Amino acid sequence: MDEIAELRDALDRLHAAMDDLVVRGVRAAGPTDIAKLTALRDEFRTAGAEHLAEKLSTLVDAVQAGERAAAPALMRAVTTFRLFDRMLTLEVARGALSPPVAVPRDDEAEPEGDE
């Protein structure tokens, strides 16, 4: 699987986890939810999406501590991951719509002269 497909898969899993937390509430988050978010955080950090990983870290820390800041942290993380998703989509679209790069064939190369 290429890097973009792996990121799309991780974003899909994050989307499901975030939707679940939004519906159930952050106070209902258990060890399984924390483990999912932590694994996704590590995956995004490895992929170079440090800003998203940072928002997930803040969310995980707030949920584990039972802080009131967990709900706003969830909304910030959702906003960040949706923005990242849109940026990734635009990058893929740009790559798909850009004209192919012409690579000269060997038989089209200019002959070297003794001029």
PDB file of N, CA and C in Angstrom:
ATOM      1  N   MET A   1       0.853  -1.173   0.000  1.00  0.00           N
ATOM      2  CA  MET A   1       0.000   0.000   0.000  1.00  0.00           C
ATOM      3  C   MET A   1       0.901   1.238   0.000  1.00  0.00           C
ATOM      4  N   ASP A   2       0.577   2.225  -0.826  1.00  0.00           N
ATOM      5  CA  ASP A   2       1.417   3.412  -0.862  1.00  0.00           C
ATOM      6  C   ASP A   2       1.105   4.337   0.318  1.00  0.00           C
ATOM      7  N   GLU A   3       1.926   5.339   0.483  1.00  0.00           N
ATOM      8  CA  GLU A   3       1.821   6.230   1.645  1.00  0.00           C
ATOM      9  C   GLU A   3       0.477   6.954   1.706  1.00  0.00           C
ATOM     10  N   ILE A   4      -0.022   7.407   0.571  1.00  0.00           N
ATOM     11  CA  ILE A   4      -1.305   8.110   0.539  1.00  0.00           C
ATOM     12  C   ILE A   4      -2.432   7.166   0.956  1.00  0.00           C
ATOM     13  N   ALA A   5      -2.417   5.946   0.471  1.00  0.00           N
ATOM     14  CA  ALA A   5      -3.454   4.975   0.830  1.00  0.00           C
ATOM     15  C   ALA A   5      -3.398   4.649   2.318  1.00  0.00           C
ATOM     16  N   GLU A   6      -2.194   4.561   2.868  1.00  0.00           N
ATOM     17  CA  GLU A   6      -2.055   4.312   4.306  1.00  0.00           C
ATOM     18  C   GLU A   6      -2.610   5.479   5.113  1.00  0.00           C
ATOM     19  N   LEU A   7      -2.322   6.701   4.673  1.00  0.00           N
ATOM     20  CA  LEU A   7      -2.864   7.872   5.361  1.00  0.00           C
ATOM     21  C   LEU A   7      -4.383   7.911   5.259  1.00  0.00           C
ATOM     22  N   ARG A   8      -4.929   7.577   4.097  1.00  0.00           N
ATOM     23  CA  ARG A   8      -6.390   7.556   3.927  1.00  0.00           C
ATOM     24  C   ARG A   8      -7.015   6.534   4.874  1.00  0.00           C
ATOM     25  N   ASP A   9      -6.386   5.361   4.979  1.00  0.00           N
ATOM     26  CA  ASP A   9      -6.885   4.327   5.878  1.00  0.00           C
ATOM     27  C   ASP A   9      -6.852   4.814   7.329  1.00  0.00           C
ATOM     28  N   ALA A  10      -5.755   5.440   7.717  1.00  0.00           N
ATOM     29  CA  ALA A  10      -5.634   5.964   9.081  1.00  0.00           C
ATOM     30  C   ALA A  10      -6.657   7.073   9.323  1.00  0.00           C
ATOM     31  N   LEU A  11      -6.876   7.928   8.335  1.00  0.00           N
ATOM     32  CA  LEU A  11      -7.879   8.987   8.480  1.00  0.00           C
ATOM     33  C   LEU A  11      -9.282   8.406   8.616  1.00  0.00           C
ATOM     34  N   ASP A  12      -9.573   7.346   7.882  1.00  0.00           N
ATOM     35  CA  ASP A  12     -10.883   6.692   8.010  1.00  0.00           C
ATOM     36  C   ASP A  12     -11.075   6.129   9.415  1.00  0.00           C
ATOM     37  N   ARG A  13     -10.024   5.497   9.943  1.00  0.00           N
ATOM     38  CA  ARG A  13     -10.115   4.955  11.304  1.00  0.00           C
ATOM     39  C   ARG A  13     -10.245   6.073  12.335  1.00  0.00           C
ATOM     40  N   LEU A  14      -9.526   7.168  12.123  1.00  0.00           N
ATOM     41  CA  LEU A  14      -9.624   8.305  13.037  1.00  0.00           C
ATOM     42  C   LEU A  14     -11.010   8.931  12.966  1.00  0.00           C
ATOM     43  N   HIS A  15     -11.559   9.029  11.768  1.00  0.00           N
ATOM     44  CA  HIS A  15     -12.903   9.576  11.598  1.00  0.00           C
ATOM     45  C   HIS A  15     -13.919   8.758  12.392  1.00  0.00           C
ATOM     46  N   ALA A  16     -13.829   7.453  12.303  1.00  0.00           N
ATOM     47  CA  ALA A  16     -14.748   6.581  13.046  1.00  0.00           C
ATOM     48  C   ALA A  16     -14.567   6.747  14.551  1.00  0.00           C
ATOM     49  N   ALA A  17     -13.322   6.824  15.005  1.00  0.00           N
ATOM     50  CA  ALA A  17     -13.052   6.981  16.440  1.00  0.00           C
ATOM     51  C   ALA A  17     -13.561   8.323  16.949  1.00  0.00           C
ATOM     52  N   MET A  18     -13.356   9.375  16.168  1.00  0.00           N
ATOM     53  CA  MET A  18     -13.818  10.707  16.577  1.00  0.00           C
ATOM     54  C   MET A  18     -15.337  10.779  16.593  1.00  0.00           C
ATOM     55  N   ASP A  19     -15.982  10.228  15.567  1.00  0.00           N
ATOM     56  CA  ASP A  19     -17.444  10.216  15.545  1.00  0.00           C
ATOM     57  C   ASP A  19     -17.998   9.488  16.760  1.00  0.00           C
ATOM     58  N   ASP A  20     -17.368   8.387  17.116  1.00  0.00           N
ATOM     59  CA  ASP A  20     -17.793   7.622  18.283  1.00  0.00           C
ATOM     60  C   ASP A  20     -17.672   8.460  19.556  1.00  0.00           C
ATOM     61  N   LEU A  21     -16.560   9.171  19.692  1.00  0.00           N
ATOM     62  CA  LEU A  21     -16.373  10.010  20.879  1.00  0.00           C
ATOM     63  C   LEU A  21     -17.347  11.181  20.905  1.00  0.00           C
ATOM     64  N   VAL A  22     -17.633  11.757  19.754  1.00  0.00           N
ATOM     65  CA  VAL A  22     -18.575  12.873  19.700  1.00  0.00           C
ATOM     66  C   VAL A  22     -19.964  12.404  20.115  1.00  0.00           C
ATOM     67  N   VAL A  23     -20.371  11.243  19.644  1.00  0.00           N
ATOM     68  CA  VAL A  23     -21.707  10.732  19.956  1.00  0.00           C
ATOM     69  C   VAL A  23     -21.807  10.293  21.415  1.00  0.00           C
ATOM     70  N   ARG A  24     -20.823   9.528  21.889  1.00  0.00           N
ATOM     71  CA  ARG A  24     -20.872   8.993  23.253  1.00  0.00           C
ATOM     72  C   ARG A  24     -20.423   9.996  24.305  1.00  0.00           C
ATOM     73  N   GLY A  25     -19.554  10.905  23.919  1.00  0.00           N
ATOM     74  CA  GLY A  25     -19.005  11.863  24.875  1.00  0.00           C
ATOM     75  C   GLY A  25     -17.646  11.397  25.367  1.00  0.00           C
ATOM     76  N   VAL A  26     -16.797  12.365  25.674  1.00  0.00           N
ATOM     77  CA  VAL A  26     -15.431  12.030  26.071  1.00  0.00           C
ATOM     78  C   VAL A  26     -15.372  11.357  27.440  1.00  0.00           C
ATOM     79  N   ARG A  27     -16.354  11.608  28.278  1.00  0.00           N
ATOM     80  CA  ARG A  27     -16.337  10.970  29.606  1.00  0.00           C
ATOM     81  C   ARG A  27     -16.635   9.477  29.527  1.00  0.00           C
ATOM     82  N   ALA A  28     -17.224   9.053  28.425  1.00  0.00           N
ATOM     83  CA  ALA A  28     -17.521   7.630  28.241  1.00  0.00           C
ATOM     84  C   ALA A  28     -16.355   6.881  27.603  1.00  0.00           C
ATOM     85  N   ALA A  29     -15.288   7.604  27.271  1.00  0.00           N
ATOM     86  CA  ALA A  29     -14.131   6.965  26.630  1.00  0.00           C
ATOM     87  C   ALA A  29     -13.444   6.028  27.609  1.00  0.00           C
ATOM     88  N   GLY A  30     -13.181   4.826  27.143  1.00  0.00           N
ATOM     89  CA  GLY A  30     -12.518   3.831  27.976  1.00  0.00           C
ATOM     90  C   GLY A  30     -11.122   3.518  27.472  1.00  0.00           C
ATOM     91  N   PRO A  31     -10.504   2.504  28.059  1.00  0.00           N
ATOM     92  CA  PRO A  31      -9.144   2.124  27.666  1.00  0.00           C
ATOM     93  C   PRO A  31      -9.014   1.754  26.185  1.00  0.00           C
ATOM     94  N   THR A  32     -10.048   1.147  25.621  1.00  0.00           N
ATOM     95  CA  THR A  32     -10.006   0.783  24.206  1.00  0.00           C
ATOM     96  C   THR A  32      -9.953   2.033  23.331  1.00  0.00           C
ATOM     97  N   ASP A  33     -10.757   3.026  23.684  1.00  0.00           N
ATOM     98  CA  ASP A  33     -10.762   4.281  22.922  1.00  0.00           C
ATOM     99  C   ASP A  33      -9.416   4.988  23.025  1.00  0.00           C
ATOM    100  N   ILE A  34      -8.861   5.001  24.228  1.00  0.00           N
ATOM    101  CA  ILE A  34      -7.555   5.640  24.446  1.00  0.00           C
ATOM    102  C   ILE A  34      -6.481   4.908  23.637  1.00  0.00           C
ATOM    103  N   ALA A  35      -6.541   3.586  23.623  1.00  0.00           N
ATOM    104  CA  ALA A  35      -5.554   2.800  22.874  1.00  0.00           C
ATOM    105  C   ALA A  35      -5.649   3.094  21.374  1.00  0.00           C
ATOM    106  N   LYS A  36      -6.879   3.202  20.853  1.00  0.00           N
ATOM    107  CA  LYS A  36      -7.064   3.526  19.432  1.00  0.00           C
ATOM    108  C   LYS A  36      -6.465   4.887  19.108  1.00  0.00           C
ATOM    109  N   LEU A  37      -6.802   5.879  19.936  1.00  0.00           N
ATOM    110  CA  LEU A  37      -6.306   7.237  19.688  1.00  0.00           C
ATOM    111  C   LEU A  37      -4.787   7.308  19.801  1.00  0.00           C
ATOM    112  N   THR A  38      -4.231   6.584  20.759  1.00  0.00           N
ATOM    113  CA  THR A  38      -2.776   6.577  20.932  1.00  0.00           C
ATOM    114  C   THR A  38      -2.089   5.933  19.732  1.00  0.00           C
ATOM    115  N   ALA A  39      -2.640   4.832  19.254  1.00  0.00           N
ATOM    116  CA  ALA A  39      -2.063   4.170  18.078  1.00  0.00           C
ATOM    117  C   ALA A  39      -2.155   5.064  16.845  1.00  0.00           C
ATOM    118  N   LEU A  40      -3.290   5.726  16.677  1.00  0.00           N
ATOM    119  CA  LEU A  40      -3.449   6.636  15.542  1.00  0.00           C
ATOM    120  C   LEU A  40      -2.508   7.831  15.663  1.00  0.00           C
ATOM    121  N   ARG A  41      -2.353   8.346  16.877  1.00  0.00           N
ATOM    122  CA  ARG A  41      -1.420   9.450  17.106  1.00  0.00           C
ATOM    123  C   ARG A  41      -0.016   9.056  16.667  1.00  0.00           C
ATOM    124  N   ASP A  42       0.410   7.870  17.082  1.00  0.00           N
ATOM    125  CA  ASP A  42       1.747   7.396  16.718  1.00  0.00           C
ATOM    126  C   ASP A  42       1.877   7.204  15.206  1.00  0.00           C
ATOM    127  N   GLU A  43       0.818   6.725  14.590  1.00  0.00           N
ATOM    128  CA  GLU A  43       0.831   6.512  13.143  1.00  0.00           C
ATOM    129  C   GLU A  43       0.964   7.841  12.391  1.00  0.00           C
ATOM    130  N   PHE A  44       0.229   8.855  12.832  1.00  0.00           N
ATOM    131  CA  PHE A  44       0.317  10.161  12.174  1.00  0.00           C
ATOM    132  C   PHE A  44       1.654  10.833  12.451  1.00  0.00           C
ATOM    133  N   ARG A  45       2.177  10.641  13.637  1.00  0.00           N
ATOM    134  CA  ARG A  45       3.495  11.205  13.954  1.00  0.00           C
ATOM    135  C   ARG A  45       4.558  10.584  13.046  1.00  0.00           C
ATOM    136  N   THR A  46       4.481   9.270  12.863  1.00  0.00           N
ATOM    137  CA  THR A  46       5.430   8.574  11.989  1.00  0.00           C
ATOM    138  C   THR A  46       5.307   9.060  10.544  1.00  0.00           C
ATOM    139  N   ALA A  47       4.081   9.372  10.124  1.00  0.00           N
ATOM    140  CA  ALA A  47       3.841   9.830   8.754  1.00  0.00           C
ATOM    141  C   ALA A  47       4.244  11.286   8.549  1.00  0.00           C
ATOM    142  N   GLY A  48       4.591  11.980   9.631  1.00  0.00           N
ATOM    143  CA  GLY A  48       5.015  13.370   9.507  1.00  0.00           C
ATOM    144  C   GLY A  48       3.917  14.383   9.767  1.00  0.00           C
ATOM    145  N   ALA A  49       2.748  13.929  10.186  1.00  0.00           N
ATOM    146  CA  ALA A  49       1.635  14.829  10.496  1.00  0.00           C
ATOM    147  C   ALA A  49       1.705  15.200  11.980  1.00  0.00           C
ATOM    148  N   GLU A  50       2.753  15.915  12.339  1.00  0.00           N
ATOM    149  CA  GLU A  50       3.034  16.226  13.744  1.00  0.00           C
ATOM    150  C   GLU A  50       1.939  17.080  14.372  1.00  0.00           C
ATOM    151  N   HIS A  51       1.383  18.022  13.617  1.00  0.00           N
ATOM    152  CA  HIS A  51       0.353  18.897  14.177  1.00  0.00           C
ATOM    153  C   HIS A  51      -0.881  18.086  14.584  1.00  0.00           C
ATOM    154  N   LEU A  52      -1.277  17.162  13.747  1.00  0.00           N
ATOM    155  CA  LEU A  52      -2.415  16.298  14.067  1.00  0.00           C
ATOM    156  C   LEU A  52      -2.080  15.397  15.250  1.00  0.00           C
ATOM    157  N   ALA A  53      -0.880  14.856  15.273  1.00  0.00           N
ATOM    158  CA  ALA A  53      -0.454  14.003  16.391  1.00  0.00           C
ATOM    159  C   ALA A  53      -0.456  14.784  17.702  1.00  0.00           C
ATOM    160  N   GLU A  54      -0.064  16.051  17.643  1.00  0.00           N
ATOM    161  CA  GLU A  54      -0.054  16.890  18.847  1.00  0.00           C
ATOM    162  C   GLU A  54      -1.469  17.100  19.381  1.00  0.00           C
ATOM    163  N   LYS A  55      -2.419  17.350  18.490  1.00  0.00           N
ATOM    164  CA  LYS A  55      -3.821  17.525  18.909  1.00  0.00           C
ATOM    165  C   LYS A  55      -4.372  16.234  19.509  1.00  0.00           C
ATOM    166  N   LEU A  56      -3.993  15.097  18.944  1.00  0.00           N
ATOM    167  CA  LEU A  56      -4.438  13.819  19.501  1.00  0.00           C
ATOM    168  C   LEU A  56      -3.811  13.572  20.867  1.00  0.00           C
ATOM    169  N   SER A  57      -2.562  13.969  21.049  1.00  0.00           N
ATOM    170  CA  SER A  57      -1.907  13.834  22.360  1.00  0.00           C
ATOM    171  C   SER A  57      -2.627  14.664  23.407  1.00  0.00           C
ATOM    172  N   THR A  58      -2.971  15.894  23.044  1.00  0.00           N
ATOM    173  CA  THR A  58      -3.701  16.770  23.963  1.00  0.00           C
ATOM    174  C   THR A  58      -5.038  16.151  24.337  1.00  0.00           C
ATOM    175  N   LEU A  59      -5.728  15.589  23.355  1.00  0.00           N
ATOM    176  CA  LEU A  59      -7.015  14.943  23.604  1.00  0.00           C
ATOM    177  C   LEU A  59      -6.854  13.743  24.528  1.00  0.00           C
ATOM    178  N   VAL A  60      -5.904  12.878  24.236  1.00  0.00           N
ATOM    179  CA  VAL A  60      -5.683  11.680  25.053  1.00  0.00           C
ATOM    180  C   VAL A  60      -5.341  12.069  26.488  1.00  0.00           C
ATOM    181  N   ASP A  61      -4.461  13.041  26.654  1.00  0.00           N
ATOM    182  CA  ASP A  61      -4.076  13.481  28.000  1.00  0.00           C
ATOM    183  C   ASP A  61      -5.271  14.027  28.768  1.00  0.00           C
ATOM    184  N   ALA A  62      -6.103  14.831  28.108  1.00  0.00           N
ATOM    185  CA  ALA A  62      -7.271  15.416  28.768  1.00  0.00           C
ATOM    186  C   ALA A  62      -8.300  14.351  29.132  1.00  0.00           C
ATOM    187  N   VAL A  63      -8.503  13.384  28.252  1.00  0.00           N
ATOM    188  CA  VAL A  63      -9.469  12.309  28.532  1.00  0.00           C
ATOM    189  C   VAL A  63      -8.974  11.452  29.691  1.00  0.00           C
ATOM    190  N   GLN A  64      -7.691  11.100  29.677  1.00  0.00           N
ATOM    191  CA  GLN A  64      -7.145  10.270  30.752  1.00  0.00           C
ATOM    192  C   GLN A  64      -7.207  10.975  32.101  1.00  0.00           C
ATOM    193  N   ALA A  65      -7.023  12.285  32.104  1.00  0.00           N
ATOM    194  CA  ALA A  65      -7.050  13.045  33.355  1.00  0.00           C
ATOM    195  C   ALA A  65      -8.471  13.401  33.780  1.00  0.00           C
ATOM    196  N   GLY A  66      -9.446  13.139  32.920  1.00  0.00           N
ATOM    197  CA  GLY A  66     -10.829  13.461  33.243  1.00  0.00           C
ATOM    198  C   GLY A  66     -11.085  14.958  33.292  1.00  0.00           C
ATOM    199  N   GLU A  67     -10.313  15.716  32.549  1.00  0.00           N
ATOM    200  CA  GLU A  67     -10.426  17.175  32.569  1.00  0.00           C
ATOM    201  C   GLU A  67     -11.631  17.654  31.764  1.00  0.00           C
ATOM    202  N   ARG A  68     -12.123  18.818  32.159  1.00  0.00           N
ATOM    203  CA  ARG A  68     -13.216  19.438  31.414  1.00  0.00           C
ATOM    204  C   ARG A  68     -12.745  19.904  30.041  1.00  0.00           C
ATOM    205  N   ALA A  69     -11.455  20.065  29.895  1.00  0.00           N
ATOM    206  CA  ALA A  69     -10.884  20.512  28.620  1.00  0.00           C
ATOM    207  C   ALA A  69     -10.907  19.415  27.562  1.00  0.00           C
ATOM    208  N   ALA A  70     -11.364  18.226  27.917  1.00  0.00           N
ATOM    209  CA  ALA A  70     -11.377  17.117  26.958  1.00  0.00           C
ATOM    210  C   ALA A  70     -12.338  17.385  25.796  1.00  0.00           C
ATOM    211  N   ALA A  71     -13.507  17.949  26.088  1.00  0.00           N
ATOM    212  CA  ALA A  71     -14.477  18.218  25.015  1.00  0.00           C
ATOM    213  C   ALA A  71     -13.945  19.248  24.016  1.00  0.00           C
ATOM    214  N   PRO A  72     -13.418  20.395  24.474  1.00  0.00           N
ATOM    215  CA  PRO A  72     -12.823  21.319  23.496  1.00  0.00           C
ATOM    216  C   PRO A  72     -11.619  20.713  22.767  1.00  0.00           C
ATOM    217  N   ALA A  73     -10.851  19.881  23.456  1.00  0.00           N
ATOM    218  CA  ALA A  73      -9.711  19.218  22.812  1.00  0.00           C
ATOM    219  C   ALA A  73     -10.201  18.276  21.714  1.00  0.00           C
ATOM    220  N   LEU A  74     -11.329  17.624  21.949  1.00  0.00           N
ATOM    221  CA  LEU A  74     -11.921  16.754  20.930  1.00  0.00           C
ATOM    222  C   LEU A  74     -12.318  17.567  19.700  1.00  0.00           C
ATOM    223  N   MET A  75     -12.964  18.706  19.925  1.00  0.00           N
ATOM    224  CA  MET A  75     -13.385  19.539  18.795  1.00  0.00           C
ATOM    225  C   MET A  75     -12.183  20.091  18.023  1.00  0.00           C
ATOM    226  N   ARG A  76     -11.120  20.449  18.731  1.00  0.00           N
ATOM    227  CA  ARG A  76      -9.905  20.920  18.053  1.00  0.00           C
ATOM    228  C   ARG A  76      -9.268  19.792  17.235  1.00  0.00           C
ATOM    229  N   ALA A  77      -9.255  18.606  17.808  1.00  0.00           N
ATOM    230  CA  ALA A  77      -8.684  17.458  17.091  1.00  0.00           C
ATOM    231  C   ALA A  77      -9.517  17.126  15.857  1.00  0.00           C
ATOM    232  N   VAL A  78     -10.837  17.195  15.980  1.00  0.00           N
ATOM    233  CA  VAL A  78     -11.715  16.934  14.832  1.00  0.00           C
ATOM    234  C   VAL A  78     -11.460  17.964  13.735  1.00  0.00           C
ATOM    235  N   THR A  79     -11.369  19.230  14.128  1.00  0.00           N
ATOM    236  CA  THR A  79     -11.103  20.290  13.152  1.00  0.00           C
ATOM    237  C   THR A  79      -9.770  20.068  12.455  1.00  0.00           C
ATOM    238  N   THR A  80      -8.747  19.732  13.225  1.00  0.00           N
ATOM    239  CA  THR A  80      -7.413  19.518  12.662  1.00  0.00           C
ATOM    240  C   THR A  80      -7.400  18.326  11.718  1.00  0.00           C
ATOM    241  N   PHE A  81      -8.040  17.225  12.111  1.00  0.00           N
ATOM    242  CA  PHE A  81      -7.999  16.047  11.241  1.00  0.00           C
ATOM    243  C   PHE A  81      -8.818  16.273   9.971  1.00  0.00           C
ATOM    244  N   ARG A  82      -9.909  17.019  10.057  1.00  0.00           N
ATOM    245  CA  ARG A  82     -10.687  17.309   8.844  1.00  0.00           C
ATOM    246  C   ARG A  82      -9.916  18.226   7.899  1.00  0.00           C
ATOM    247  N   LEU A  83      -9.201  19.187   8.463  1.00  0.00           N
ATOM    248  CA  LEU A  83      -8.365  20.052   7.639  1.00  0.00           C
ATOM    249  C   LEU A  83      -7.249  19.243   6.973  1.00  0.00           C
ATOM    250  N   PHE A  84      -6.627  18.362   7.737  1.00  0.00           N
ATOM    251  CA  PHE A  84      -5.576  17.505   7.177  1.00  0.00           C
ATOM    252  C   PHE A  84      -6.139  16.638   6.055  1.00  0.00           C
ATOM    253  N   ASP A  85      -7.336  16.113   6.260  1.00  0.00           N
ATOM    254  CA  ASP A  85      -7.994  15.287   5.245  1.00  0.00           C
ATOM    255  C   ASP A  85      -8.218  16.087   3.965  1.00  0.00           C
ATOM    256  N   ARG A  86      -8.690  17.321   4.101  1.00  0.00           N
ATOM    257  CA  ARG A  86      -8.926  18.165   2.926  1.00  0.00           C
ATOM    258  C   ARG A  86      -7.621  18.487   2.207  1.00  0.00           C
ATOM    259  N   MET A  87      -6.582  18.785   2.976  1.00  0.00           N
ATOM    260  CA  MET A  87      -5.289  19.103   2.372  1.00  0.00           C
ATOM    261  C   MET A  87      -4.735  17.895   1.618  1.00  0.00           C
ATOM    262  N   LEU A  88      -4.879  16.720   2.201  1.00  0.00           N
ATOM    263  CA  LEU A  88      -4.418  15.501   1.538  1.00  0.00           C
ATOM    264  C   LEU A  88      -5.203  15.264   0.249  1.00  0.00           C
ATOM    265  N   THR A  89      -6.516  15.487   0.308  1.00  0.00           N
ATOM    266  CA  THR A  89      -7.358  15.326  -0.872  1.00  0.00           C
ATOM    267  C   THR A  89      -6.929  16.285  -1.977  1.00  0.00           C
ATOM    268  N   LEU A  90      -6.660  17.533  -1.613  1.00  0.00           N
ATOM    269  CA  LEU A  90      -6.216  18.514  -2.607  1.00  0.00           C
ATOM    270  C   LEU A  90      -4.865  18.140  -3.202  1.00  0.00           C
ATOM    271  N   GLU A  91      -3.975  17.623  -2.376  1.00  0.00           N
ATOM    272  CA  GLU A  91      -2.653  17.218  -2.865  1.00  0.00           C
ATOM    273  C   GLU A  91      -2.775  16.058  -3.856  1.00  0.00           C
ATOM    274  N   VAL A  92      -3.623  15.096  -3.543  1.00  0.00           N
ATOM    275  CA  VAL A  92      -3.835  13.959  -4.448  1.00  0.00           C
ATOM    276  C   VAL A  92      -4.474  14.439  -5.751  1.00  0.00           C
ATOM    277  N   ALA A  93      -5.460  15.340  -5.644  1.00  0.00           N
ATOM    278  CA  ALA A  93      -6.113  15.863  -6.844  1.00  0.00           C
ATOM    279  C   ALA A  93      -5.126  16.648  -7.700  1.00  0.00           C
ATOM    280  N   ARG A  94      -4.279  17.449  -7.070  1.00  0.00           N
ATOM    281  CA  ARG A  94      -3.278  18.210  -7.809  1.00  0.00           C
ATOM    282  C   ARG A  94      -2.350  17.268  -8.573  1.00  0.00           C
ATOM    283  N   GLY A  95      -1.924  16.214  -7.908  1.00  0.00           N
ATOM    284  CA  GLY A  95      -1.050  15.244  -8.567  1.00  0.00           C
ATOM    285  C   GLY A  95      -1.735  14.526  -9.715  1.00  0.00           C
ATOM    286  N   ALA A  96      -3.016  14.231  -9.545  1.00  0.00           N
ATOM    287  CA  ALA A  96      -3.752  13.521 -10.592  1.00  0.00           C
ATOM    288  C   ALA A  96      -4.050  14.415 -11.786  1.00  0.00           C
ATOM    289  N   LEU A  97      -4.222  15.713 -11.540  1.00  0.00           N
ATOM    290  CA  LEU A  97      -4.594  16.626 -12.615  1.00  0.00           C
ATOM    291  C   LEU A  97      -3.414  17.321 -13.275  1.00  0.00           C
ATOM    292  N   SER A  98      -2.250  17.212 -12.697  1.00  0.00           N
ATOM    293  CA  SER A  98      -1.089  17.875 -13.291  1.00  0.00           C
ATOM    294  C   SER A  98      -0.657  17.114 -14.543  1.00  0.00           C
ATOM    295  N   PRO A  99      -0.151  17.856 -15.520  1.00  0.00           N
ATOM    296  CA  PRO A  99       0.275  17.180 -16.751  1.00  0.00           C
ATOM    297  C   PRO A  99       1.477  16.288 -16.479  1.00  0.00           C
ATOM    298  N   PRO A 100       1.558  15.193 -17.200  1.00  0.00           N
ATOM    299  CA  PRO A 100       2.701  14.296 -16.997  1.00  0.00           C
ATOM    300  C   PRO A 100       4.001  14.977 -17.426  1.00  0.00           C
ATOM    301  N   VAL A 101       5.055  14.631 -16.767  1.00  0.00           N
ATOM    302  CA  VAL A 101       6.364  15.179 -17.088  1.00  0.00           C
ATOM    303  C   VAL A 101       6.921  14.415 -18.279  1.00  0.00           C
ATOM    304  N   ALA A 102       7.300  15.163 -19.300  1.00  0.00           N
ATOM    305  CA  ALA A 102       7.855  14.531 -20.501  1.00  0.00           C
ATOM    306  C   ALA A 102       9.299  14.134 -20.238  1.00  0.00           C
ATOM    307  N   VAL A 103       9.580  12.883 -20.452  1.00  0.00           N
ATOM    308  CA  VAL A 103      10.939  12.370 -20.283  1.00  0.00           C
ATOM    309  C   VAL A 103      11.475  12.062 -21.667  1.00  0.00           C
ATOM    310  N   PRO A 104      12.571  12.721 -22.072  1.00  0.00           N
ATOM    311  CA  PRO A 104      13.094  12.457 -23.414  1.00  0.00           C
ATOM    312  C   PRO A 104      13.603  11.025 -23.527  1.00  0.00           C
ATOM    313  N   ARG A 105      13.300  10.435 -24.659  1.00  0.00           N
ATOM    314  CA  ARG A 105      13.799   9.086 -24.914  1.00  0.00           C
ATOM    315  C   ARG A 105      15.238   9.191 -25.375  1.00  0.00           C
ATOM    316  N   ASP A 106      15.963   8.100 -25.278  1.00  0.00           N
ATOM    317  CA  ASP A 106      17.371   8.089 -25.676  1.00  0.00           C
ATOM    318  C   ASP A 106      17.553   8.417 -27.153  1.00  0.00           C
ATOM    319  N   ASP A 107      16.642   7.949 -28.004  1.00  0.00           N
ATOM    320  CA  ASP A 107      16.791   8.187 -29.438  1.00  0.00           C
ATOM    321  C   ASP A 107      16.418   9.616 -29.833  1.00  0.00           C
ATOM    322  N   GLU A 108      15.806  10.380 -28.901  1.00  0.00           N
ATOM    323  CA  GLU A 108      15.462  11.768 -29.163  1.00  0.00           C
ATOM    324  C   GLU A 108      16.525  12.730 -28.645  1.00  0.00           C
ATOM    325  N   ALA A 109      17.501  12.223 -27.949  1.00  0.00           N
ATOM    326  CA  ALA A 109      18.542  13.083 -27.389  1.00  0.00           C
ATOM    327  C   ALA A 109      19.352  13.692 -28.521  1.00  0.00           C
ATOM    328  N   GLU A 110      19.783  14.933 -28.304  1.00  0.00           N
ATOM    329  CA  GLU A 110      20.565  15.616 -29.332  1.00  0.00           C
ATOM    330  C   GLU A 110      21.937  14.977 -29.442  1.00  0.00           C
ATOM    331  N   PRO A 111      22.387  14.761 -30.668  1.00  0.00           N
ATOM    332  CA  PRO A 111      23.726  14.184 -30.825  1.00  0.00           C
ATOM    333  C   PRO A 111      24.776  15.216 -30.439  1.00  0.00           C
ATOM    334  N   GLU A 112      25.807  14.721 -29.830  1.00  0.00           N
ATOM    335  CA  GLU A 112      26.892  15.609 -29.428  1.00  0.00           C
ATOM    336  C   GLU A 112      27.785  15.847 -30.632  1.00  0.00           C
ATOM    337  N   GLY A 113      28.087  17.101 -30.876  1.00  0.00           N
ATOM    338  CA  GLY A 113      28.904  17.440 -32.034  1.00  0.00           C
ATOM    339  C   GLY A 113      30.285  17.900 -31.617  1.00  0.00           C
ATOM    340  N   ASP A 114      31.183  17.971 -32.582  1.00  0.00           N
ATOM    341  CA  ASP A 114      32.553  18.417 -32.318  1.00  0.00           C
ATOM    342  C   ASP A 114      32.690  19.879 -32.709  1.00  0.00           C
ATOM    343  N   GLU A 115      31.750  20.690 -32.435  1.00  0.00           N
ATOM    344  CA  GLU A 115      31.789  22.082 -32.846  1.00  0.00           C
ATOM    345  C   GLU A 115      32.572  22.923 -31.922  1.00  0.00           C
TER     346      GLU A 115
END
